[in-house]
Amino acid sequence: MNSIAKRCSVAAVLALAVLLPQFSALQISETGLRLLADFEGCRLSPYQCQAGVWTSGIGHTAGVKPGTVISERQAAVNLVADVYRVERGIGRCMPVTMPPPVYDAVVSFAFNVGVTAACGSTLAGFIKRQDWRNACQQLPRWVFVNGVKSPG
């Protein structure tokens, strides 16, 4: 199978995600989810991300094994479950009401670096103090993967 066939449409996965009953439990805005998905990209076949973690769908890592191809529907199910898990995690460690654009950015950040890293970050401290400007200014610091600057 060539690399084009292994990719999937972010738009199709998002369209399927909106139809899932669990989608209504998400707090991220549709714009925020679209940005998160566009940054992650979508692949139906597992690949190793820059950090060497097996990944499939839209940034899904739990239980991914080489050679296991998923459907766009499964990518949508995984995305909704993963974002929900991230939202619950940041809700526990950053229990404040955030402006929607800040919330979307924090969810995307935690989705990418992991809830544990996000909750232990300087950014989380600024969020808890509702210092939105300084919190957002922390994001550009998170551009390294295993000590190497990541292109995106």
C-alpha atoms as a PDB file:
ATOM      1  CA  MET A   1       0.000   0.000   0.000  1.00  0.00           C
ATOM      2  CA  ASN A   2       1.491   3.379  -0.926  1.00  0.00           C
ATOM      3  CA  SER A   3       1.711   6.327   1.462  1.00  0.00           C
ATOM      4  CA  ILE A   4      -1.204   8.151  -0.185  1.00  0.00           C
ATOM      5  CA  ALA A   5      -3.554   5.247   0.520  1.00  0.00           C
ATOM      6  CA  LYS A   6      -2.461   5.182   4.176  1.00  0.00           C
ATOM      7  CA  ARG A   7      -3.525   8.779   4.789  1.00  0.00           C
ATOM      8  CA  CYS A   8      -7.051   9.842   5.574  1.00  0.00           C
ATOM      9  CA  SER A   9      -9.105  12.978   5.253  1.00  0.00           C
ATOM     10  CA  VAL A  10      -9.144  15.157   8.374  1.00  0.00           C
ATOM     11  CA  ALA A  11     -12.420  16.666   7.136  1.00  0.00           C
ATOM     12  CA  ALA A  12     -14.011  13.217   6.782  1.00  0.00           C
ATOM     13  CA  VAL A  13     -12.865  12.154  10.253  1.00  0.00           C
ATOM     14  CA  LEU A  14     -14.213  15.384  11.781  1.00  0.00           C
ATOM     15  CA  ALA A  15     -17.531  14.933   9.951  1.00  0.00           C
ATOM     16  CA  LEU A  16     -17.792  11.422  11.406  1.00  0.00           C
ATOM     17  CA  ALA A  17     -16.768  12.674  14.867  1.00  0.00           C
ATOM     18  CA  VAL A  18     -19.619  15.214  14.955  1.00  0.00           C
ATOM     19  CA  LEU A  19     -22.089  12.362  14.419  1.00  0.00           C
ATOM     20  CA  LEU A  20     -20.874  10.376  17.432  1.00  0.00           C
ATOM     21  CA  PRO A  21     -23.033  10.644  20.579  1.00  0.00           C
ATOM     22  CA  GLN A  22     -19.899  11.291  22.682  1.00  0.00           C
ATOM     23  CA  PHE A  23     -19.045  14.378  20.619  1.00  0.00           C
ATOM     24  CA  SER A  24     -21.551  16.501  22.567  1.00  0.00           C
ATOM     25  CA  ALA A  25     -19.500  15.939  25.750  1.00  0.00           C
ATOM     26  CA  LEU A  26     -16.497  17.802  24.283  1.00  0.00           C
ATOM     27  CA  GLN A  27     -15.900  21.394  25.375  1.00  0.00           C
ATOM     28  CA  ILE A  28     -13.337  22.307  22.713  1.00  0.00           C
ATOM     29  CA  SER A  29     -14.818  24.498  19.978  1.00  0.00           C
ATOM     30  CA  GLU A  30     -15.290  23.091  16.491  1.00  0.00           C
ATOM     31  CA  THR A  31     -12.638  25.567  15.305  1.00  0.00           C
ATOM     32  CA  GLY A  32     -10.249  24.363  18.007  1.00  0.00           C
ATOM     33  CA  LEU A  33     -10.855  20.725  17.122  1.00  0.00           C
ATOM     34  CA  ARG A  34     -10.325  21.457  13.436  1.00  0.00           C
ATOM     35  CA  LEU A  35      -7.011  23.216  14.179  1.00  0.00           C
ATOM     36  CA  LEU A  36      -5.880  20.370  16.436  1.00  0.00           C
ATOM     37  CA  ALA A  37      -6.744  17.816  13.750  1.00  0.00           C
ATOM     38  CA  ASP A  38      -5.118  19.825  10.958  1.00  0.00           C
ATOM     39  CA  PHE A  39      -1.886  20.157  12.964  1.00  0.00           C
ATOM     40  CA  GLU A  40      -1.835  16.436  13.781  1.00  0.00           C
ATOM     41  CA  GLY A  41      -2.802  15.244  10.308  1.00  0.00           C
ATOM     42  CA  CYS A  42      -4.440  11.886   9.744  1.00  0.00           C
ATOM     43  CA  ARG A  43      -3.074   8.470   8.819  1.00  0.00           C
ATOM     44  CA  LEU A  44      -4.931   5.193   8.887  1.00  0.00           C
ATOM     45  CA  SER A  45      -1.739   3.119   9.003  1.00  0.00           C
ATOM     46  CA  PRO A  46       0.454   3.317  12.099  1.00  0.00           C
ATOM     47  CA  TYR A  47       3.609   5.404  11.931  1.00  0.00           C
ATOM     48  CA  GLN A  48       6.216   6.514  14.422  1.00  0.00           C
ATOM     49  CA  CYS A  49       5.944  10.197  15.287  1.00  0.00           C
ATOM     50  CA  GLN A  50       9.019  12.379  15.829  1.00  0.00           C
ATOM     51  CA  ALA A  51       9.234  11.125  19.418  1.00  0.00           C
ATOM     52  CA  GLY A  52       9.244   7.509  18.199  1.00  0.00           C
ATOM     53  CA  VAL A  53       5.731   6.728  19.490  1.00  0.00           C
ATOM     54  CA  TRP A  54       3.472   4.557  17.328  1.00  0.00           C
ATOM     55  CA  THR A  55       0.560   6.722  16.220  1.00  0.00           C
ATOM     56  CA  SER A  56      -2.510   6.362  13.984  1.00  0.00           C
ATOM     57  CA  GLY A  57      -5.590   8.349  13.059  1.00  0.00           C
ATOM     58  CA  ILE A  58      -5.344  11.910  14.376  1.00  0.00           C
ATOM     59  CA  GLY A  59      -2.587  11.725  16.987  1.00  0.00           C
ATOM     60  CA  HIS A  60      -3.918   8.556  18.642  1.00  0.00           C
ATOM     61  CA  THR A  61      -1.236   6.589  20.508  1.00  0.00           C
ATOM     62  CA  ALA A  62      -2.992   4.247  22.961  1.00  0.00           C
ATOM     63  CA  GLY A  63      -2.544   0.617  21.945  1.00  0.00           C
ATOM     64  CA  VAL A  64      -1.288   1.416  18.432  1.00  0.00           C
ATOM     65  CA  LYS A  65       0.727  -1.438  16.945  1.00  0.00           C
ATOM     66  CA  PRO A  66       2.650  -1.587  13.664  1.00  0.00           C
ATOM     67  CA  GLY A  67       0.621  -3.043  10.805  1.00  0.00           C
ATOM     68  CA  THR A  68      -2.847  -2.379  12.274  1.00  0.00           C
ATOM     69  CA  VAL A  69      -4.785  -0.228   9.807  1.00  0.00           C
ATOM     70  CA  ILE A  70      -7.860   1.608  11.108  1.00  0.00           C
ATOM     71  CA  SER A  71     -10.900   3.112   9.364  1.00  0.00           C
ATOM     72  CA  GLU A  72     -11.811   6.798   9.269  1.00  0.00           C
ATOM     73  CA  ARG A  73     -14.696   5.978  11.608  1.00  0.00           C
ATOM     74  CA  GLN A  74     -12.289   4.417  14.116  1.00  0.00           C
ATOM     75  CA  ALA A  75     -10.050   7.486  13.775  1.00  0.00           C
ATOM     76  CA  ALA A  76     -13.093   9.636  14.664  1.00  0.00           C
ATOM     77  CA  VAL A  77     -13.979   7.459  17.676  1.00  0.00           C
ATOM     78  CA  ASN A  78     -10.367   7.603  18.890  1.00  0.00           C
ATOM     79  CA  LEU A  79     -10.157  11.381  18.387  1.00  0.00           C
ATOM     80  CA  VAL A  80     -13.295  12.093  20.407  1.00  0.00           C
ATOM     81  CA  ALA A  81     -12.188   9.737  23.207  1.00  0.00           C
ATOM     82  CA  ASP A  82      -8.659  11.181  23.252  1.00  0.00           C
ATOM     83  CA  VAL A  83      -9.824  14.808  23.349  1.00  0.00           C
ATOM     84  CA  TYR A  84     -12.347  13.972  26.075  1.00  0.00           C
ATOM     85  CA  ARG A  85      -9.579  12.320  28.150  1.00  0.00           C
ATOM     86  CA  VAL A  86      -7.352  15.388  27.673  1.00  0.00           C
ATOM     87  CA  GLU A  87     -10.177  17.740  28.660  1.00  0.00           C
ATOM     88  CA  ARG A  88     -10.817  15.770  31.858  1.00  0.00           C
ATOM     89  CA  GLY A  89      -7.114  15.840  32.677  1.00  0.00           C
ATOM     90  CA  ILE A  90      -6.703  19.577  32.226  1.00  0.00           C
ATOM     91  CA  GLY A  91      -9.959  20.140  34.094  1.00  0.00           C
ATOM     92  CA  ARG A  92      -8.403  18.444  37.126  1.00  0.00           C
ATOM     93  CA  CYS A  93      -5.071  20.279  37.064  1.00  0.00           C
ATOM     94  CA  MET A  94      -6.266  23.654  35.691  1.00  0.00           C
ATOM     95  CA  PRO A  95      -9.719  24.020  37.268  1.00  0.00           C
ATOM     96  CA  VAL A  96     -10.541  27.501  35.993  1.00  0.00           C
ATOM     97  CA  THR A  97     -12.865  28.804  33.309  1.00  0.00           C
ATOM     98  CA  MET A  98     -10.767  29.839  30.319  1.00  0.00           C
ATOM     99  CA  PRO A  99     -11.706  32.046  27.375  1.00  0.00           C
ATOM    100  CA  PRO A 100     -12.606  29.691  24.486  1.00  0.00           C
ATOM    101  CA  PRO A 101      -9.488  30.450  22.375  1.00  0.00           C
ATOM    102  CA  VAL A 102      -7.236  29.843  25.404  1.00  0.00           C
ATOM    103  CA  TYR A 103      -9.096  26.631  26.234  1.00  0.00           C
ATOM    104  CA  ASP A 104      -8.732  25.390  22.660  1.00  0.00           C
ATOM    105  CA  ALA A 105      -4.992  26.137  22.711  1.00  0.00           C
ATOM    106  CA  VAL A 106      -4.516  24.391  26.072  1.00  0.00           C
ATOM    107  CA  VAL A 107      -6.414  21.298  24.892  1.00  0.00           C
ATOM    108  CA  SER A 108      -4.330  21.162  21.710  1.00  0.00           C
ATOM    109  CA  PHE A 109      -1.132  21.641  23.739  1.00  0.00           C
ATOM    110  CA  ALA A 110      -2.036  18.889  26.223  1.00  0.00           C
ATOM    111  CA  PHE A 111      -3.156  16.596  23.392  1.00  0.00           C
ATOM    112  CA  ASN A 112       0.280  16.999  21.829  1.00  0.00           C
ATOM    113  CA  VAL A 113       2.599  16.848  24.852  1.00  0.00           C
ATOM    114  CA  GLY A 114       0.434  14.714  27.132  1.00  0.00           C
ATOM    115  CA  VAL A 115      -1.681  15.662  30.120  1.00  0.00           C
ATOM    116  CA  THR A 116       1.071  14.931  32.648  1.00  0.00           C
ATOM    117  CA  ALA A 117       3.568  17.237  30.915  1.00  0.00           C
ATOM    118  CA  ALA A 118       0.919  19.928  30.375  1.00  0.00           C
ATOM    119  CA  CYS A 119      -0.198  19.827  34.009  1.00  0.00           C
ATOM    120  CA  GLY A 120       3.376  20.088  35.243  1.00  0.00           C
ATOM    121  CA  SER A 121       4.256  22.990  32.959  1.00  0.00           C
ATOM    122  CA  THR A 122       4.810  26.657  33.742  1.00  0.00           C
ATOM    123  CA  LEU A 123       1.892  27.287  31.383  1.00  0.00           C
ATOM    124  CA  ALA A 124      -0.420  25.454  33.807  1.00  0.00           C
ATOM    125  CA  GLY A 125       0.637  27.777  36.620  1.00  0.00           C
ATOM    126  CA  PHE A 126      -0.235  30.821  34.538  1.00  0.00           C
ATOM    127  CA  ILE A 127      -3.579  29.261  33.585  1.00  0.00           C
ATOM    128  CA  LYS A 128      -4.443  28.633  37.249  1.00  0.00           C
ATOM    129  CA  ARG A 129      -3.726  32.318  37.960  1.00  0.00           C
ATOM    130  CA  GLN A 130      -5.810  33.257  34.893  1.00  0.00           C
ATOM    131  CA  ASP A 131      -2.788  35.023  33.400  1.00  0.00           C
ATOM    132  CA  TRP A 132      -3.787  34.256  29.814  1.00  0.00           C
ATOM    133  CA  ARG A 133      -1.105  36.342  28.105  1.00  0.00           C
ATOM    134  CA  ASN A 134       1.808  34.728  29.947  1.00  0.00           C
ATOM    135  CA  ALA A 135       0.233  31.292  29.553  1.00  0.00           C
ATOM    136  CA  CYS A 136       0.033  31.704  25.791  1.00  0.00           C
ATOM    137  CA  GLN A 137       3.593  33.020  25.687  1.00  0.00           C
ATOM    138  CA  GLN A 138       4.743  29.654  27.068  1.00  0.00           C
ATOM    139  CA  LEU A 139       3.569  27.729  24.003  1.00  0.00           C
ATOM    140  CA  PRO A 140       6.527  28.624  21.726  1.00  0.00           C
ATOM    141  CA  ARG A 141       8.876  27.068  24.296  1.00  0.00           C
ATOM    142  CA  TRP A 142       7.435  23.633  23.492  1.00  0.00           C
ATOM    143  CA  VAL A 143       9.032  23.127  20.074  1.00  0.00           C
ATOM    144  CA  PHE A 144      11.591  20.428  20.878  1.00  0.00           C
ATOM    145  CA  VAL A 145      11.234  16.663  20.478  1.00  0.00           C
ATOM    146  CA  ASN A 146      14.031  14.714  22.146  1.00  0.00           C
ATOM    147  CA  GLY A 147      16.163  17.866  22.201  1.00  0.00           C
ATOM    148  CA  VAL A 148      15.711  18.648  18.488  1.00  0.00           C
ATOM    149  CA  LYS A 149      13.623  21.586  17.264  1.00  0.00           C
ATOM    150  CA  SER A 150      10.511  20.245  15.560  1.00  0.00           C
ATOM    151  CA  PRO A 151       9.284  21.781  12.303  1.00  0.00           C
ATOM    152  CA  GLY A 152       5.678  21.555  13.454  1.00  0.00           C
END
